PDB file of N, CA and C in Angstrom:
ATOM      1  N   MET A   1      12.534 -20.517  46.515  1.00  0.00           N
ATOM      2  CA  MET A   1      11.647 -20.611  45.376  1.00  0.00           C
ATOM      3  C   MET A   1      11.760 -19.361  44.491  1.00  0.00           C
ATOM      4  N   LEU A   2      11.714 -19.554  43.215  1.00  0.00           N
ATOM      5  CA  LEU A   2      11.655 -18.433  42.297  1.00  0.00           C
ATOM      6  C   LEU A   2      10.313 -18.414  41.600  1.00  0.00           C
ATOM      7  N   ILE A   3       9.860 -17.250  41.282  1.00  0.00           N
ATOM      8  CA  ILE A   3       8.598 -17.136  40.555  1.00  0.00           C
ATOM      9  C   ILE A   3       8.905 -16.544  39.184  1.00  0.00           C
ATOM     10  N   ILE A   4       8.703 -17.345  38.161  1.00  0.00           N
ATOM     11  CA  ILE A   4       8.975 -16.922  36.800  1.00  0.00           C
ATOM     12  C   ILE A   4       7.622 -17.112  36.035  1.00  0.00           C
ATOM     13  N   ASN A   5       7.136 -16.029  35.489  1.00  0.00           N
ATOM     14  CA  ASN A   5       5.835 -16.075  34.718  1.00  0.00           C
ATOM     15  C   ASN A   5       4.773 -16.824  35.540  1.00  0.00           C
ATOM     16  N   ASN A   6       4.664 -16.437  36.772  1.00  0.00           N
ATOM     17  CA  ASN A   6       3.661 -17.003  37.690  1.00  0.00           C
ATOM     18  C   ASN A   6       3.859 -18.495  37.976  1.00  0.00           C
ATOM     19  N   LEU A   7       5.024 -19.067  37.681  1.00  0.00           N
ATOM     20  CA  LEU A   7       5.295 -20.465  37.977  1.00  0.00           C
ATOM     21  C   LEU A   7       6.317 -20.527  39.096  1.00  0.00           C
ATOM     22  N   LYS A   8       6.026 -21.316  40.099  1.00  0.00           N
ATOM     23  CA  LYS A   8       6.980 -21.482  41.196  1.00  0.00           C
ATOM     24  C   LYS A   8       7.943 -22.570  40.813  1.00  0.00           C
ATOM     25  N   MET A   9       9.219 -22.287  40.927  1.00  0.00           N
ATOM     26  CA  MET A   9      10.254 -23.278  40.554  1.00  0.00           C
ATOM     27  C   MET A   9      11.400 -23.229  41.570  1.00  0.00           C
ATOM     28  N   LYS A  10      11.959 -24.344  41.832  1.00  0.00           N
ATOM     29  CA  LYS A  10      13.139 -24.415  42.632  1.00  0.00           C
ATOM     30  C   LYS A  10      14.334 -24.031  41.759  1.00  0.00           C
ATOM     31  N   LYS A  11      15.391 -23.490  42.355  1.00  0.00           N
ATOM     32  CA  LYS A  11      16.557 -23.010  41.598  1.00  0.00           C
ATOM     33  C   LYS A  11      17.142 -24.128  40.725  1.00  0.00           C
ATOM     34  N   LYS A  12      17.181 -25.351  41.213  1.00  0.00           N
ATOM     35  CA  LYS A  12      17.799 -26.432  40.440  1.00  0.00           C
ATOM     36  C   LYS A  12      16.956 -26.801  39.212  1.00  0.00           C
ATOM     37  N   GLU A  13      15.704 -26.425  39.154  1.00  0.00           N
ATOM     38  CA  GLU A  13      14.857 -26.777  38.018  1.00  0.00           C
ATOM     39  C   GLU A  13      15.066 -25.854  36.830  1.00  0.00           C
ATOM     40  N   ILE A  14      15.692 -24.702  37.054  1.00  0.00           N
ATOM     41  CA  ILE A  14      15.868 -23.757  35.991  1.00  0.00           C
ATOM     42  C   ILE A  14      16.997 -24.223  35.088  1.00  0.00           C
ATOM     43  N   ILE A  15      16.741 -24.335  33.848  1.00  0.00           N
ATOM     44  CA  ILE A  15      17.701 -24.776  32.867  1.00  0.00           C
ATOM     45  C   ILE A  15      17.860 -23.604  31.869  1.00  0.00           C
ATOM     46  N   CYS A  16      19.017 -23.034  31.795  1.00  0.00           N
ATOM     47  CA  CYS A  16      19.270 -22.001  30.826  1.00  0.00           C
ATOM     48  C   CYS A  16      20.658 -22.203  30.201  1.00  0.00           C
ATOM     49  N   PRO A  17      20.756 -21.974  28.926  1.00  0.00           N
ATOM     50  CA  PRO A  17      22.047 -22.202  28.283  1.00  0.00           C
ATOM     51  C   PRO A  17      23.087 -21.198  28.793  1.00  0.00           C
ATOM     52  N   GLU A  18      24.327 -21.638  28.753  1.00  0.00           N
ATOM     53  CA  GLU A  18      25.414 -20.787  29.182  1.00  0.00           C
ATOM     54  C   GLU A  18      25.546 -19.621  28.210  1.00  0.00           C
ATOM     55  N   ILE A  19      25.659 -18.420  28.760  1.00  0.00           N
ATOM     56  CA  ILE A  19      25.846 -17.251  27.926  1.00  0.00           C
ATOM     57  C   ILE A  19      27.323 -16.996  27.821  1.00  0.00           C
ATOM     58  N   VAL A  20      27.824 -17.045  26.576  1.00  0.00           N
ATOM     59  CA  VAL A  20      29.273 -16.889  26.352  1.00  0.00           C
ATOM     60  C   VAL A  20      29.566 -15.428  26.136  1.00  0.00           C
ATOM     61  N   THR A  21      30.387 -14.898  26.987  1.00  0.00           N
ATOM     62  CA  THR A  21      30.758 -13.498  26.875  1.00  0.00           C
ATOM     63  C   THR A  21      32.236 -13.299  26.635  1.00  0.00           C
ATOM     64  N   CYS A  22      33.036 -14.334  26.947  1.00  0.00           N
ATOM     65  CA  CYS A  22      34.481 -14.235  26.821  1.00  0.00           C
ATOM     66  C   CYS A  22      35.035 -15.575  26.329  1.00  0.00           C
ATOM     67  N   SER A  23      35.705 -15.545  25.213  1.00  0.00           N
ATOM     68  CA  SER A  23      36.236 -16.790  24.632  1.00  0.00           C
ATOM     69  C   SER A  23      37.301 -17.389  25.519  1.00  0.00           C
ATOM     70  N   VAL A  24      38.105 -16.602  26.189  1.00  0.00           N
ATOM     71  CA  VAL A  24      39.147 -17.102  27.065  1.00  0.00           C
ATOM     72  C   VAL A  24      38.475 -17.844  28.245  1.00  0.00           C
ATOM     73  N   ASP A  25      37.464 -17.232  28.824  1.00  0.00           N
ATOM     74  CA  ASP A  25      36.719 -17.877  29.891  1.00  0.00           C
ATOM     75  C   ASP A  25      36.125 -19.198  29.461  1.00  0.00           C
ATOM     76  N   TYR A  26      35.507 -19.164  28.273  1.00  0.00           N
ATOM     77  CA  TYR A  26      34.915 -20.389  27.674  1.00  0.00           C
ATOM     78  C   TYR A  26      35.960 -21.499  27.586  1.00  0.00           C
ATOM     79  N   ALA A  27      37.149 -21.191  27.022  1.00  0.00           N
ATOM     80  CA  ALA A  27      38.179 -22.174  26.834  1.00  0.00           C
ATOM     81  C   ALA A  27      38.674 -22.755  28.157  1.00  0.00           C
ATOM     82  N   PHE A  28      38.907 -21.897  29.121  1.00  0.00           N
ATOM     83  CA  PHE A  28      39.413 -22.389  30.420  1.00  0.00           C
ATOM     84  C   PHE A  28      38.386 -23.174  31.181  1.00  0.00           C
ATOM     85  N   LYS A  29      37.102 -22.899  30.966  1.00  0.00           N
ATOM     86  CA  LYS A  29      36.054 -23.715  31.601  1.00  0.00           C
ATOM     87  C   LYS A  29      36.119 -25.122  31.025  1.00  0.00           C
ATOM     88  N   ARG A  30      36.549 -25.292  29.781  1.00  0.00           N
ATOM     89  CA  ARG A  30      36.577 -26.602  29.164  1.00  0.00           C
ATOM     90  C   ARG A  30      37.835 -27.397  29.533  1.00  0.00           C
ATOM     91  N   ILE A  31      38.958 -26.694  29.703  1.00  0.00           N
ATOM     92  CA  ILE A  31      40.233 -27.386  29.922  1.00  0.00           C
ATOM     93  C   ILE A  31      40.860 -27.073  31.278  1.00  0.00           C
ATOM     94  N   GLY A  32      40.242 -26.171  32.026  1.00  0.00           N
ATOM     95  CA  GLY A  32      40.783 -25.795  33.325  1.00  0.00           C
ATOM     96  C   GLY A  32      40.650 -26.895  34.374  1.00  0.00           C
ATOM     97  N   GLY A  33      41.299 -26.731  35.463  1.00  0.00           N
ATOM     98  CA  GLY A  33      41.235 -27.713  36.524  1.00  0.00           C
ATOM     99  C   GLY A  33      42.540 -28.482  36.640  1.00  0.00           C
ATOM    100  N   LYS A  34      42.615 -29.229  37.673  1.00  0.00           N
ATOM    101  CA  LYS A  34      43.858 -29.941  38.003  1.00  0.00           C
ATOM    102  C   LYS A  34      44.166 -31.088  37.026  1.00  0.00           C
ATOM    103  N   TYR A  35      43.179 -31.719  36.440  1.00  0.00           N
ATOM    104  CA  TYR A  35      43.419 -32.961  35.720  1.00  0.00           C
ATOM    105  C   TYR A  35      43.158 -32.934  34.209  1.00  0.00           C
ATOM    106  N   LYS A  36      42.330 -32.047  33.757  1.00  0.00           N
ATOM    107  CA  LYS A  36      41.878 -32.077  32.353  1.00  0.00           C
ATOM    108  C   LYS A  36      43.057 -31.975  31.381  1.00  0.00           C
ATOM    109  N   GLY A  37      43.937 -31.018  31.603  1.00  0.00           N
ATOM    110  CA  GLY A  37      45.071 -30.862  30.728  1.00  0.00           C
ATOM    111  C   GLY A  37      45.936 -32.118  30.662  1.00  0.00           C
ATOM    112  N   ARG A  38      46.199 -32.701  31.805  1.00  0.00           N
ATOM    113  CA  ARG A  38      47.016 -33.910  31.880  1.00  0.00           C
ATOM    114  C   ARG A  38      46.347 -35.093  31.177  1.00  0.00           C
ATOM    115  N   ILE A  39      45.045 -35.216  31.350  1.00  0.00           N
ATOM    116  CA  ILE A  39      44.293 -36.302  30.669  1.00  0.00           C
ATOM    117  C   ILE A  39      44.399 -36.140  29.165  1.00  0.00           C
ATOM    118  N   LEU A  40      44.152 -34.915  28.703  1.00  0.00           N
ATOM    119  CA  LEU A  40      44.261 -34.647  27.251  1.00  0.00           C
ATOM    120  C   LEU A  40      45.670 -34.925  26.732  1.00  0.00           C
ATOM    121  N   TRP A  41      46.688 -34.529  27.504  1.00  0.00           N
ATOM    122  CA  TRP A  41      48.051 -34.765  27.071  1.00  0.00           C
ATOM    123  C   TRP A  41      48.381 -36.269  27.027  1.00  0.00           C
ATOM    124  N   TYR A  42      47.998 -37.000  28.052  1.00  0.00           N
ATOM    125  CA  TYR A  42      48.294 -38.461  28.097  1.00  0.00           C
ATOM    126  C   TYR A  42      47.526 -39.189  26.941  1.00  0.00           C
ATOM    127  N   LEU A  43      46.301 -38.773  26.656  1.00  0.00           N
ATOM    128  CA  LEU A  43      45.579 -39.363  25.539  1.00  0.00           C
ATOM    129  C   LEU A  43      46.293 -39.018  24.204  1.00  0.00           C
ATOM    130  N   HIS A  44      46.858 -37.878  24.119  1.00  0.00           N
ATOM    131  CA  HIS A  44      47.640 -37.539  22.918  1.00  0.00           C
ATOM    132  C   HIS A  44      48.871 -38.422  22.790  1.00  0.00           C
ATOM    133  N   GLU A  45      49.582 -38.595  23.907  1.00  0.00           N
ATOM    134  CA  GLU A  45      50.797 -39.397  23.889  1.00  0.00           C
ATOM    135  C   GLU A  45      50.524 -40.879  23.599  1.00  0.00           C
ATOM    136  N   HIS A  46      49.404 -41.404  24.129  1.00  0.00           N
ATOM    137  CA  HIS A  46      49.154 -42.830  24.014  1.00  0.00           C
ATOM    138  C   HIS A  46      48.050 -43.199  23.027  1.00  0.00           C
ATOM    139  N   THR A  47      47.350 -42.274  22.465  1.00  0.00           N
ATOM    140  CA  THR A  47      46.287 -42.423  21.525  1.00  0.00           C
ATOM    141  C   THR A  47      45.012 -43.017  22.135  1.00  0.00           C
ATOM    142  N   ILE A  48      45.118 -44.159  22.780  1.00  0.00           N
ATOM    143  CA  ILE A  48      43.987 -44.806  23.427  1.00  0.00           C
ATOM    144  C   ILE A  48      44.380 -45.211  24.821  1.00  0.00           C
ATOM    145  N   LEU A  49      43.570 -44.854  25.820  1.00  0.00           N
ATOM    146  CA  LEU A  49      43.821 -45.305  27.182  1.00  0.00           C
ATOM    147  C   LEU A  49      42.521 -45.828  27.769  1.00  0.00           C
ATOM    148  N   ARG A  50      42.664 -46.873  28.562  1.00  0.00           N
ATOM    149  CA  ARG A  50      41.516 -47.403  29.292  1.00  0.00           C
ATOM    150  C   ARG A  50      41.442 -46.686  30.638  1.00  0.00           C
ATOM    151  N   TYR A  51      40.287 -46.858  31.299  1.00  0.00           N
ATOM    152  CA  TYR A  51      40.049 -46.198  32.550  1.00  0.00           C
ATOM    153  C   TYR A  51      41.139 -46.465  33.574  1.00  0.00           C
ATOM    154  N   GLY A  52      41.481 -47.745  33.722  1.00  0.00           N
ATOM    155  CA  GLY A  52      42.511 -48.157  34.691  1.00  0.00           C
ATOM    156  C   GLY A  52      43.868 -47.566  34.412  1.00  0.00           C
ATOM    157  N   GLU A  53      44.178 -47.476  33.092  1.00  0.00           N
ATOM    158  CA  GLU A  53      45.454 -46.897  32.699  1.00  0.00           C
ATOM    159  C   GLU A  53      45.509 -45.398  33.058  1.00  0.00           C
ATOM    160  N   LEU A  54      44.409 -44.716  32.828  1.00  0.00           N
ATOM    161  CA  LEU A  54      44.323 -43.296  33.229  1.00  0.00           C
ATOM    162  C   LEU A  54      44.442 -43.144  34.747  1.00  0.00           C
ATOM    163  N   ASN A  55      43.821 -44.037  35.451  1.00  0.00           N
ATOM    164  CA  ASN A  55      43.851 -44.011  36.901  1.00  0.00           C
ATOM    165  C   ASN A  55      45.285 -44.185  37.432  1.00  0.00           C
ATOM    166  N   ARG A  56      46.035 -45.091  36.813  1.00  0.00           N
ATOM    167  CA  ARG A  56      47.428 -45.299  37.216  1.00  0.00           C
ATOM    168  C   ARG A  56      48.314 -44.157  36.777  1.00  0.00           C
ATOM    169  N   THR A  57      47.991 -43.507  35.654  1.00  0.00           N
ATOM    170  CA  THR A  57      48.750 -42.397  35.150  1.00  0.00           C
ATOM    171  C   THR A  57      48.625 -41.169  36.040  1.00  0.00           C
ATOM    172  N   LEU A  58      47.473 -41.055  36.688  1.00  0.00           N
ATOM    173  CA  LEU A  58      47.195 -39.918  37.591  1.00  0.00           C
ATOM    174  C   LEU A  58      47.038 -40.441  39.017  1.00  0.00           C
ATOM    175  N   PRO A  59      48.113 -40.782  39.702  1.00  0.00           N
ATOM    176  CA  PRO A  59      47.970 -41.432  41.024  1.00  0.00           C
ATOM    177  C   PRO A  59      47.352 -40.518  42.091  1.00  0.00           C
ATOM    178  N   ASP A  60      47.310 -39.204  41.832  1.00  0.00           N
ATOM    179  CA  ASP A  60      46.776 -38.305  42.857  1.00  0.00           C
ATOM    180  C   ASP A  60      45.290 -38.013  42.665  1.00  0.00           C
ATOM    181  N   ILE A  61      44.639 -38.721  41.731  1.00  0.00           N
ATOM    182  CA  ILE A  61      43.212 -38.492  41.464  1.00  0.00           C
ATOM    183  C   ILE A  61      42.360 -39.575  42.118  1.00  0.00           C
ATOM    184  N   THR A  62      41.211 -39.183  42.631  1.00  0.00           N
ATOM    185  CA  THR A  62      40.298 -40.170  43.211  1.00  0.00           C
ATOM    186  C   THR A  62      39.460 -40.766  42.077  1.00  0.00           C
ATOM    187  N   THR A  63      38.865 -41.936  42.308  1.00  0.00           N
ATOM    188  CA  THR A  63      38.030 -42.562  41.314  1.00  0.00           C
ATOM    189  C   THR A  63      36.860 -41.647  40.950  1.00  0.00           C
ATOM    190  N   LYS A  64      36.254 -41.058  41.932  1.00  0.00           N
ATOM    191  CA  LYS A  64      35.106 -40.152  41.685  1.00  0.00           C
ATOM    192  C   LYS A  64      35.529 -38.976  40.847  1.00  0.00           C
ATOM    193  N   MET A  65      36.671 -38.368  41.111  1.00  0.00           N
ATOM    194  CA  MET A  65      37.123 -37.188  40.354  1.00  0.00           C
ATOM    195  C   MET A  65      37.502 -37.584  38.948  1.00  0.00           C
ATOM    196  N   LEU A  66      38.155 -38.717  38.753  1.00  0.00           N
ATOM    197  CA  LEU A  66      38.491 -39.176  37.409  1.00  0.00           C
ATOM    198  C   LEU A  66      37.235 -39.368  36.612  1.00  0.00           C
ATOM    199  N   THR A  67      36.226 -40.071  37.157  1.00  0.00           N
ATOM    200  CA  THR A  67      34.990 -40.305  36.466  1.00  0.00           C
ATOM    201  C   THR A  67      34.318 -38.950  36.087  1.00  0.00           C
ATOM    202  N   GLN A  68      34.261 -38.050  37.056  1.00  0.00           N
ATOM    203  CA  GLN A  68      33.649 -36.719  36.802  1.00  0.00           C
ATOM    204  C   GLN A  68      34.354 -35.937  35.728  1.00  0.00           C
ATOM    205  N   THR A  69      35.687 -35.954  35.757  1.00  0.00           N
ATOM    206  CA  THR A  69      36.506 -35.211  34.781  1.00  0.00           C
ATOM    207  C   THR A  69      36.349 -35.828  33.403  1.00  0.00           C
ATOM    208  N   LEU A  70      36.353 -37.130  33.297  1.00  0.00           N
ATOM    209  CA  LEU A  70      36.178 -37.798  32.000  1.00  0.00           C
ATOM    210  C   LEU A  70      34.784 -37.476  31.437  1.00  0.00           C
ATOM    211  N   ARG A  71      33.763 -37.468  32.260  1.00  0.00           N
ATOM    212  CA  ARG A  71      32.407 -37.106  31.814  1.00  0.00           C
ATOM    213  C   ARG A  71      32.373 -35.677  31.275  1.00  0.00           C
ATOM    214  N   GLU A  72      33.035 -34.745  31.995  1.00  0.00           N
ATOM    215  CA  GLU A  72      33.045 -33.360  31.557  1.00  0.00           C
ATOM    216  C   GLU A  72      33.773 -33.224  30.203  1.00  0.00           C
ATOM    217  N   LEU A  73      34.907 -33.904  30.048  1.00  0.00           N
ATOM    218  CA  LEU A  73      35.634 -33.846  28.785  1.00  0.00           C
ATOM    219  C   LEU A  73      34.833 -34.435  27.656  1.00  0.00           C
ATOM    220  N   GLU A  74      34.111 -35.518  27.961  1.00  0.00           N
ATOM    221  CA  GLU A  74      33.211 -36.125  26.970  1.00  0.00           C
ATOM    222  C   GLU A  74      32.073 -35.202  26.588  1.00  0.00           C
ATOM    223  N   THR A  75      31.454 -34.594  27.595  1.00  0.00           N
ATOM    224  CA  THR A  75      30.333 -33.679  27.344  1.00  0.00           C
ATOM    225  C   THR A  75      30.785 -32.476  26.489  1.00  0.00           C
ATOM    226  N   ASP A  76      32.027 -32.009  26.711  1.00  0.00           N
ATOM    227  CA  ASP A  76      32.580 -30.919  25.945  1.00  0.00           C
ATOM    228  C   ASP A  76      33.155 -31.319  24.631  1.00  0.00           C
ATOM    229  N   ASN A  77      32.952 -32.588  24.229  1.00  0.00           N
ATOM    230  CA  ASN A  77      33.350 -33.161  22.942  1.00  0.00           C
ATOM    231  C   ASN A  77      34.883 -33.098  22.787  1.00  0.00           C
ATOM    232  N   LEU A  78      35.641 -33.261  23.857  1.00  0.00           N
ATOM    233  CA  LEU A  78      37.075 -33.265  23.762  1.00  0.00           C
ATOM    234  C   LEU A  78      37.649 -34.675  23.759  1.00  0.00           C
ATOM    235  N   ILE A  79      36.892 -35.627  24.311  1.00  0.00           N
ATOM    236  CA  ILE A  79      37.290 -37.020  24.255  1.00  0.00           C
ATOM    237  C   ILE A  79      36.093 -37.865  23.863  1.00  0.00           C
ATOM    238  N   ASP A  80      36.425 -39.044  23.316  1.00  0.00           N
ATOM    239  CA  ASP A  80      35.383 -40.068  22.990  1.00  0.00           C
ATOM    240  C   ASP A  80      35.532 -41.205  23.957  1.00  0.00           C
ATOM    241  N   ARG A  81      34.401 -41.783  24.321  1.00  0.00           N
ATOM    242  CA  ARG A  81      34.365 -42.944  25.236  1.00  0.00           C
ATOM    243  C   ARG A  81      33.765 -44.089  24.472  1.00  0.00           C
ATOM    244  N   LYS A  82      34.483 -45.164  24.365  1.00  0.00           N
ATOM    245  CA  LYS A  82      33.993 -46.343  23.659  1.00  0.00           C
ATOM    246  C   LYS A  82      33.854 -47.483  24.669  1.00  0.00           C
ATOM    247  N   VAL A  83      32.628 -47.997  24.762  1.00  0.00           N
ATOM    248  CA  VAL A  83      32.349 -49.097  25.688  1.00  0.00           C
ATOM    249  C   VAL A  83      32.236 -50.386  24.921  1.00  0.00           C
ATOM    250  N   TYR A  84      32.984 -51.403  25.365  1.00  0.00           N
ATOM    251  CA  TYR A  84      32.891 -52.744  24.800  1.00  0.00           C
ATOM    252  C   TYR A  84      32.020 -53.547  25.761  1.00  0.00           C
ATOM    253  N   HIS A  85      31.010 -54.171  25.201  1.00  0.00           N
ATOM    254  CA  HIS A  85      30.105 -54.968  26.033  1.00  0.00           C
ATOM    255  C   HIS A  85      30.653 -56.384  26.170  1.00  0.00           C
ATOM    256  N   GLU A  86      31.537 -56.542  27.134  1.00  0.00           N
ATOM    257  CA  GLU A  86      32.156 -57.843  27.386  1.00  0.00           C
ATOM    258  C   GLU A  86      32.412 -57.926  28.912  1.00  0.00           C
ATOM    259  N   VAL A  87      32.783 -59.094  29.327  1.00  0.00           N
ATOM    260  CA  VAL A  87      33.112 -59.303  30.725  1.00  0.00           C
ATOM    261  C   VAL A  87      34.582 -59.666  30.831  1.00  0.00           C
ATOM    262  N   PRO A  88      35.379 -58.943  31.629  1.00  0.00           N
ATOM    263  CA  PRO A  88      35.016 -57.742  32.360  1.00  0.00           C
ATOM    264  C   PRO A  88      34.808 -56.549  31.442  1.00  0.00           C
ATOM    265  N   PRO A  89      34.075 -55.551  31.898  1.00  0.00           N
ATOM    266  CA  PRO A  89      33.767 -54.408  31.026  1.00  0.00           C
ATOM    267  C   PRO A  89      35.054 -53.702  30.586  1.00  0.00           C
ATOM    268  N   LYS A  90      35.044 -53.215  29.388  1.00  0.00           N
ATOM    269  CA  LYS A  90      36.190 -52.525  28.807  1.00  0.00           C
ATOM    270  C   LYS A  90      35.721 -51.201  28.277  1.00  0.00           C
ATOM    271  N   VAL A  91      36.396 -50.109  28.667  1.00  0.00           N
ATOM    272  CA  VAL A  91      36.088 -48.766  28.207  1.00  0.00           C
ATOM    273  C   VAL A  91      37.378 -48.111  27.772  1.00  0.00           C
ATOM    274  N   GLU A  92      37.383 -47.533  26.578  1.00  0.00           N
ATOM    275  CA  GLU A  92      38.558 -46.875  26.048  1.00  0.00           C
ATOM    276  C   GLU A  92      38.252 -45.394  25.747  1.00  0.00           C
ATOM    277  N   TYR A  93      39.257 -44.586  25.969  1.00  0.00           N
ATOM    278  CA  TYR A  93      39.100 -43.156  25.739  1.00  0.00           C
ATOM    279  C   TYR A  93      40.122 -42.692  24.700  1.00  0.00           C
ATOM    280  N   THR A  94      39.684 -41.831  23.792  1.00  0.00           N
ATOM    281  CA  THR A  94      40.528 -41.227  22.796  1.00  0.00           C
ATOM    282  C   THR A  94      40.195 -39.774  22.641  1.00  0.00           C
ATOM    283  N   LEU A  95      41.092 -39.024  22.046  1.00  0.00           N
ATOM    284  CA  LEU A  95      40.814 -37.627  21.774  1.00  0.00           C
ATOM    285  C   LEU A  95      39.899 -37.481  20.563  1.00  0.00           C
ATOM    286  N   THR A  96      38.998 -36.576  20.599  1.00  0.00           N
ATOM    287  CA  THR A  96      38.178 -36.224  19.449  1.00  0.00           C
ATOM    288  C   THR A  96      38.999 -35.279  18.552  1.00  0.00           C
ATOM    289  N   GLU A  97      38.445 -34.950  17.397  1.00  0.00           N
ATOM    290  CA  GLU A  97      39.078 -33.961  16.527  1.00  0.00           C
ATOM    291  C   GLU A  97      39.206 -32.631  17.228  1.00  0.00           C
ATOM    292  N   VAL A  98      38.192 -32.268  17.963  1.00  0.00           N
ATOM    293  CA  VAL A  98      38.214 -31.015  18.738  1.00  0.00           C
ATOM    294  C   VAL A  98      39.340 -31.070  19.796  1.00  0.00           C
ATOM    295  N   GLY A  99      39.417 -32.222  20.480  1.00  0.00           N
ATOM    296  CA  GLY A  99      40.477 -32.382  21.471  1.00  0.00           C
ATOM    297  C   GLY A  99      41.843 -32.327  20.882  1.00  0.00           C
ATOM    298  N   GLN A 100      42.024 -32.903  19.675  1.00  0.00           N
ATOM    299  CA  GLN A 100      43.318 -32.817  18.975  1.00  0.00           C
ATOM    300  C   GLN A 100      43.731 -31.387  18.681  1.00  0.00           C
ATOM    301  N   GLU A 101      42.757 -30.546  18.423  1.00  0.00           N
ATOM    302  CA  GLU A 101      43.050 -29.132  18.104  1.00  0.00           C
ATOM    303  C   GLU A 101      43.723 -28.425  19.305  1.00  0.00           C
ATOM    304  N   LEU A 102      43.534 -28.931  20.517  1.00  0.00           N
ATOM    305  CA  LEU A 102      44.125 -28.313  21.703  1.00  0.00           C
ATOM    306  C   LEU A 102      45.605 -28.712  21.889  1.00  0.00           C
ATOM    307  N   ILE A 103      46.049 -29.748  21.281  1.00  0.00           N
ATOM    308  CA  ILE A 103      47.397 -30.276  21.549  1.00  0.00           C
ATOM    309  C   ILE A 103      48.499 -29.262  21.304  1.00  0.00           C
ATOM    310  N   PRO A 104      48.477 -28.504  20.208  1.00  0.00           N
ATOM    311  CA  PRO A 104      49.552 -27.508  20.042  1.00  0.00           C
ATOM    312  C   PRO A 104      49.602 -26.489  21.222  1.00  0.00           C
ATOM    313  N   PHE A 105      48.466 -26.161  21.773  1.00  0.00           N
ATOM    314  CA  PHE A 105      48.430 -25.200  22.846  1.00  0.00           C
ATOM    315  C   PHE A 105      48.910 -25.820  24.182  1.00  0.00           C
ATOM    316  N   ILE A 106      48.545 -27.061  24.366  1.00  0.00           N
ATOM    317  CA  ILE A 106      49.002 -27.778  25.573  1.00  0.00           C
ATOM    318  C   ILE A 106      50.506 -28.009  25.456  1.00  0.00           C
ATOM    319  N   THR A 107      50.993 -28.301  24.251  1.00  0.00           N
ATOM    320  CA  THR A 107      52.453 -28.436  24.040  1.00  0.00           C
ATOM    321  C   THR A 107      53.148 -27.121  24.382  1.00  0.00           C
ATOM    322  N   TYR A 108      52.606 -26.027  23.939  1.00  0.00           N
ATOM    323  CA  TYR A 108      53.188 -24.728  24.255  1.00  0.00           C
ATOM    324  C   TYR A 108      53.220 -24.498  25.781  1.00  0.00           C
ATOM    325  N   LEU A 109      52.106 -24.804  26.452  1.00  0.00           N
ATOM    326  CA  LEU A 109      52.083 -24.644  27.895  1.00  0.00           C
ATOM    327  C   LEU A 109      53.061 -25.564  28.599  1.00  0.00           C
ATOM    328  N   LYS A 110      53.198 -26.781  28.106  1.00  0.00           N
ATOM    329  CA  LYS A 110      54.153 -27.719  28.634  1.00  0.00           C
ATOM    330  C   LYS A 110      55.586 -27.195  28.520  1.00  0.00           C
ATOM    331  N   ASP A 111      55.918 -26.668  27.336  1.00  0.00           N
ATOM    332  CA  ASP A 111      57.259 -26.103  27.098  1.00  0.00           C
ATOM    333  C   ASP A 111      57.507 -24.875  27.999  1.00  0.00           C
ATOM    334  N   TRP A 112      56.493 -24.039  28.124  1.00  0.00           N
ATOM    335  CA  TRP A 112      56.577 -22.884  28.977  1.00  0.00           C
ATOM    336  C   TRP A 112      56.817 -23.308  30.419  1.00  0.00           C
ATOM    337  N   GLY A 113      56.052 -24.301  30.894  1.00  0.00           N
ATOM    338  CA  GLY A 113      56.179 -24.812  32.237  1.00  0.00           C
ATOM    339  C   GLY A 113      57.595 -25.379  32.499  1.00  0.00           C
ATOM    340  N   GLU A 114      58.125 -26.073  31.548  1.00  0.00           N
ATOM    341  CA  GLU A 114      59.491 -26.629  31.705  1.00  0.00           C
ATOM    342  C   GLU A 114      60.510 -25.520  31.841  1.00  0.00           C
ATOM    343  N   LYS A 115      60.349 -24.433  31.043  1.00  0.00           N
ATOM    344  CA  LYS A 115      61.280 -23.288  31.124  1.00  0.00           C
ATOM    345  C   LYS A 115      61.186 -22.621  32.463  1.00  0.00           C
ATOM    346  N   GLN A 116      59.971 -22.476  32.978  1.00  0.00           N
ATOM    347  CA  GLN A 116      59.810 -21.818  34.278  1.00  0.00           C
ATOM    348  C   GLN A 116      60.350 -22.668  35.411  1.00  0.00           C
ATOM    349  N   ILE A 117      60.184 -23.959  35.341  1.00  0.00           N
ATOM    350  CA  ILE A 117      60.740 -24.869  36.351  1.00  0.00           C
ATOM    351  C   ILE A 117      62.275 -24.769  36.338  1.00  0.00           C
ATOM    352  N   GLU A 118      62.823 -24.794  35.126  1.00  0.00           N
ATOM    353  CA  GLU A 118      64.293 -24.674  34.973  1.00  0.00           C
ATOM    354  C   GLU A 118      64.773 -23.321  35.585  1.00  0.00           C
ATOM    355  N   ARG A 119      64.040 -22.258  35.268  1.00  0.00           N
ATOM    356  CA  ARG A 119      64.421 -20.930  35.738  1.00  0.00           C
ATOM    357  C   ARG A 119      64.383 -20.884  37.267  1.00  0.00           C
ATOM    358  N   GLU A 120      63.329 -21.462  37.831  1.00  0.00           N
ATOM    359  CA  GLU A 120      63.208 -21.448  39.320  1.00  0.00           C
ATOM    360  C   GLU A 120      64.299 -22.281  39.966  1.00  0.00           C
ATOM    361  N   GLN A 121      64.654 -23.400  39.359  1.00  0.00           N
ATOM    362  CA  GLN A 121      65.732 -24.230  39.914  1.00  0.00           C
ATOM    363  C   GLN A 121      67.060 -23.502  39.832  1.00  0.00           C
ATOM    364  N   LYS A 122      67.330 -22.754  38.768  1.00  0.00           N
ATOM    365  CA  LYS A 122      68.568 -21.991  38.662  1.00  0.00           C
ATOM    366  C   LYS A 122      68.598 -20.867  39.723  1.00  0.00           C
ATOM    367  N   ASN A 123      67.463 -20.235  39.953  1.00  0.00           N
ATOM    368  CA  ASN A 123      67.384 -19.147  40.921  1.00  0.00           C
ATOM    369  C   ASN A 123      67.487 -19.625  42.338  1.00  0.00           C
ATOM    370  N   ALA A 124      67.080 -20.890  42.590  1.00  0.00           N
ATOM    371  CA  ALA A 124      67.141 -21.448  43.934  1.00  0.00           C
ATOM    372  C   ALA A 124      68.551 -21.825  44.372  1.00  0.00           C
ATOM    373  N   LYS A 125      69.465 -21.969  43.396  1.00  0.00           N
ATOM    374  CA  LYS A 125      70.852 -22.366  43.726  1.00  0.00           C
ATOM    375  C   LYS A 125      71.668 -21.207  44.251  1.00  0.00           C
TER     376      LYS A 125
END
C-alpha cells in the first residue's frame, strides 16, 4: 500500500502519465520488441492486412502476443483497426500517417540488416 495525501492506494491504482526524458527511449518503446517492426513493415508492403493474414505472416507469434502487439501499435497511433460488423467478423489493419512516417527508418534498418547478414556470411566462409 502507498499513502499519498493521506489516501491509501494500491500500486496498480496509481495512474501517472509517462515522463519523457529521452526521445530515443520514447521511440524504441513504441517500435521496439520482436514483432512491431515486422508488423509495420508488412502493413507498408501490403497496405491492408487482416488479422489472419498477419498471423500467417508471423508464424512464430502466438495469438495472444499478436493481439497484444496490435493493441499497443493502435494505442500508439501507429496503426488503424477497422472492424466490419458482419459474420464472420472482419478486422483490417492499416498504417496511420504517423506509422507511415516510420517507414523510411525501417527501410534503413532493413538495408543495414541485409548488409550485416551478408558481411557475416562472407566472414563465415
